[in-house]
Amino acid sequence: MCFLTGTNICLREVRESDLEIFQRYRNNYTDSINYRTIKPLTSENQKKYWIEIVNSDKHIVFTITEKQTSKVIGEIRASNINQYHSAEIGLWIISECRHKGHASESLQLLLKFIFGRANINRIEAQIASTNTDSIAFFERNGFVHEGILRETTYYNYRYQDTVVMSMLKSEYKEKSLL
């Protein structure tokens, strides 16, 4: 059952059956470049990690599914929610479902929820500087460049910068019907 419903996608709770798909994505070498992960996850570690995340008050996590088919196509989250009502966003879509508007639709559903019902004031995205598609995605969706964290990610035998982008609740309100 959907918790948040869009035109083409649903955001619902994470189920144990989703974890195999999440693990496959995280363990795919090409996809993991943008996930900032450095080692594969075992099934046991994946389950332990998700149980911890899903049961924590510091994370709001949804599985992204196609509305028509209920096929799991990704995950979106507001993580590391702190006492100042700030959080970090995480979002991924499986390769064959990218460039269809699912990420933007998922992001808009999450933003409406966290700014409207979850009392979050600021959400940030930390993106590897080489991930130009994600940087452009967040720009198109109204996120503002805040700065660069220098050489914070190590990948392919070299250090890379991390781009920090964010959106405030007040900025979201200016652009929406919240």
Protein backbone atom coordinates (compact mmCIF):
# COMPACT_ATOMS: atom_id res chain seq x y z
CA MET A 1 0.00 0.00 0.00
CA CYS A 2 1.25 3.46 -0.86
CA PHE A 3 2.01 5.96 1.86
CA LEU A 4 2.54 8.83 -0.59
CA THR A 5 1.10 8.63 -4.10
CA GLY A 6 2.12 10.56 -7.19
CA THR A 7 1.04 10.40 -10.80
CA ASN A 8 3.36 7.53 -11.76
CA ILE A 9 5.02 6.37 -8.55
CA CYS A 10 4.24 5.42 -4.97
CA LEU A 11 6.36 5.85 -1.87
CA ARG A 12 5.75 3.09 0.64
CA GLU A 13 7.41 1.49 3.66
CA VAL A 14 10.59 -0.53 3.19
CA ARG A 15 9.85 -4.26 3.24
CA GLU A 16 12.27 -7.08 3.84
CA SER A 17 11.65 -8.28 0.28
CA ASP A 18 13.03 -4.92 -1.00
CA LEU A 19 16.44 -5.49 0.58
CA GLU A 20 17.68 -7.86 -2.13
CA ILE A 21 17.01 -5.19 -4.77
CA PHE A 22 18.69 -2.53 -2.62
CA GLN A 23 21.71 -4.78 -2.07
CA ARG A 24 21.98 -5.56 -5.80
CA TYR A 25 21.99 -1.82 -6.55
CA ARG A 26 24.56 -0.97 -3.88
CA ASN A 27 26.79 -3.86 -4.96
CA ASN A 28 26.71 -2.90 -8.65
CA TYR A 29 30.12 -1.37 -9.27
CA THR A 30 28.89 1.18 -11.83
CA ASP A 31 25.95 2.36 -9.70
CA SER A 32 28.00 2.40 -6.50
CA ILE A 33 30.19 5.17 -7.94
CA ASN A 34 27.40 7.62 -7.24
CA TYR A 35 26.38 6.00 -3.95
CA ARG A 36 29.73 6.76 -2.34
CA THR A 37 30.16 3.17 -1.17
CA ILE A 38 33.51 1.43 -1.09
CA LYS A 39 32.68 -2.20 -0.40
CA PRO A 40 29.91 -4.67 -1.22
CA LEU A 41 27.24 -5.46 1.34
CA THR A 42 26.40 -9.00 2.38
CA SER A 43 22.75 -9.98 2.78
CA GLU A 44 23.24 -10.14 6.54
CA ASN A 45 24.84 -6.68 6.73
CA GLN A 46 22.17 -5.23 4.43
CA LYS A 47 19.36 -6.54 6.66
CA LYS A 48 21.07 -5.33 9.86
CA TYR A 49 21.68 -1.90 8.34
CA TRP A 50 18.06 -1.51 7.21
CA ILE A 51 16.58 -2.68 10.49
CA GLU A 52 18.65 -0.02 12.24
CA ILE A 53 17.68 2.71 9.75
CA VAL A 54 13.98 1.91 9.53
CA ASN A 55 13.57 1.71 13.32
CA SER A 56 15.37 4.99 13.96
CA ASP A 57 13.71 8.37 14.54
CA LYS A 58 16.60 9.96 12.63
CA HIS A 59 15.54 8.58 9.24
CA ILE A 60 12.43 8.73 7.07
CA VAL A 61 12.83 6.06 4.40
CA PHE A 62 10.59 5.01 1.52
CA THR A 63 10.74 2.39 -1.20
CA ILE A 64 9.88 3.87 -4.61
CA THR A 65 7.54 1.73 -6.72
CA GLU A 66 5.89 2.19 -10.09
CA LYS A 67 2.23 2.98 -9.46
CA GLN A 68 0.86 0.76 -12.27
CA THR A 69 2.97 -2.34 -11.62
CA SER A 70 4.14 -1.99 -7.98
CA LYS A 71 7.66 -2.78 -9.25
CA VAL A 72 10.38 -1.61 -6.86
CA ILE A 73 12.48 0.96 -8.72
CA GLY A 74 14.42 2.76 -5.97
CA GLU A 75 14.63 4.31 -2.57
CA ILE A 76 14.40 7.83 -1.15
CA ARG A 77 15.12 9.07 2.35
CA ALA A 78 15.63 11.96 4.68
CA SER A 79 18.49 10.82 6.93
CA ASN A 80 20.43 12.05 9.90
CA ILE A 81 17.55 14.23 11.10
CA ASN A 82 18.93 16.35 13.91
CA GLN A 83 17.66 18.59 16.70
CA TYR A 84 17.85 21.59 14.37
CA HIS A 85 15.31 20.00 11.99
CA SER A 86 17.88 19.43 9.25
CA ALA A 87 18.35 16.24 7.25
CA GLU A 88 20.33 14.77 4.37
CA ILE A 89 18.59 13.35 1.32
CA GLY A 90 19.41 10.03 -0.29
CA LEU A 91 17.81 8.95 -3.57
CA TRP A 92 18.44 6.32 -6.21
CA ILE A 93 16.52 4.78 -9.09
CA ILE A 94 17.45 1.49 -10.80
CA SER A 95 19.27 2.04 -14.09
CA GLU A 96 16.50 0.91 -16.45
CA CYS A 97 13.97 3.29 -14.86
CA ARG A 98 16.05 6.47 -14.97
CA HIS A 99 15.24 9.51 -17.12
CA LYS A 100 11.49 8.91 -16.87
CA GLY A 101 10.70 11.55 -14.25
CA HIS A 102 10.48 9.07 -11.36
CA ALA A 103 13.27 10.72 -9.35
CA SER A 104 11.73 14.20 -9.63
CA GLU A 105 8.28 12.91 -8.73
CA SER A 106 9.70 11.00 -5.73
CA LEU A 107 11.64 14.06 -4.60
CA GLN A 108 8.58 16.31 -4.79
CA LEU A 109 6.51 13.82 -2.74
CA LEU A 110 9.25 13.57 -0.11
CA LEU A 111 9.74 17.36 0.08
CA LYS A 112 6.02 17.96 0.53
CA PHE A 113 5.94 15.37 3.31
CA ILE A 114 9.05 16.44 5.22
CA PHE A 115 8.39 20.17 5.00
CA GLY A 116 4.64 19.84 5.60
CA ARG A 117 4.24 17.01 8.10
CA ALA A 118 7.63 16.06 9.50
CA ASN A 119 8.72 19.57 10.57
CA ILE A 120 12.03 19.50 8.69
CA ASN A 121 13.37 22.99 7.95
CA ARG A 122 16.41 22.16 5.78
CA ILE A 123 17.41 19.25 3.57
CA GLU A 124 20.80 18.85 1.97
CA ALA A 125 22.26 16.67 -0.75
CA GLN A 126 25.92 15.69 -0.70
CA ILE A 127 26.98 14.68 -4.21
CA ALA A 128 30.30 13.49 -5.61
CA SER A 129 31.59 16.33 -7.79
CA THR A 130 31.96 13.91 -10.71
CA ASN A 131 28.23 13.05 -10.57
CA THR A 132 27.13 15.87 -12.85
CA ASP A 133 23.74 14.26 -13.59
CA SER A 134 22.78 14.40 -9.90
CA ILE A 135 24.05 17.95 -9.51
CA ALA A 136 21.93 19.02 -12.48
CA PHE A 137 18.94 17.08 -11.09
CA PHE A 138 19.02 18.92 -7.76
CA GLU A 139 19.52 22.27 -9.53
CA ARG A 140 16.42 21.61 -11.67
CA ASN A 141 14.49 20.79 -8.51
CA GLY A 142 15.32 24.06 -6.77
CA PHE A 143 18.26 23.11 -4.56
CA VAL A 144 20.88 25.81 -3.93
CA HIS A 145 24.66 25.28 -4.07
CA GLU A 146 26.14 25.78 -0.62
CA GLY A 147 29.72 24.79 -1.18
CA ILE A 148 32.35 22.15 -1.77
CA LEU A 149 33.76 19.70 0.73
CA ARG A 150 37.25 19.16 -0.60
CA GLU A 151 38.57 15.65 -1.24
CA THR A 152 36.02 13.90 0.98
CA THR A 153 35.36 10.86 -1.23
CA TYR A 154 37.91 8.32 -2.40
CA TYR A 155 37.11 6.53 -5.64
CA ASN A 156 39.13 5.11 -8.53
CA TYR A 157 42.43 5.72 -6.78
CA ARG A 158 41.87 9.40 -6.22
CA TYR A 159 40.12 11.77 -3.84
CA GLN A 160 37.09 13.66 -5.07
CA ASP A 161 35.25 16.71 -3.84
CA THR A 162 31.68 16.61 -2.56
CA VAL A 163 29.16 19.25 -3.68
CA VAL A 164 26.73 20.35 -0.97
CA MET A 165 23.31 21.60 -2.10
CA SER A 166 20.24 22.33 0.01
CA MET A 167 16.68 23.53 0.16
CA LEU A 168 14.95 25.33 3.03
CA LYS A 169 11.29 24.99 3.94
CA SER A 170 10.81 28.70 3.15
CA GLU A 171 12.26 28.19 -0.35
CA TYR A 172 9.98 25.22 -0.90
CA LYS A 173 6.93 27.21 0.25
CA GLU A 174 7.73 29.97 -2.29
CA LYS A 175 7.64 27.41 -5.11
CA SER A 176 4.75 25.20 -4.01
CA LEU A 177 1.31 24.99 -2.44
CA LEU A 178 2.54 23.94 1.02
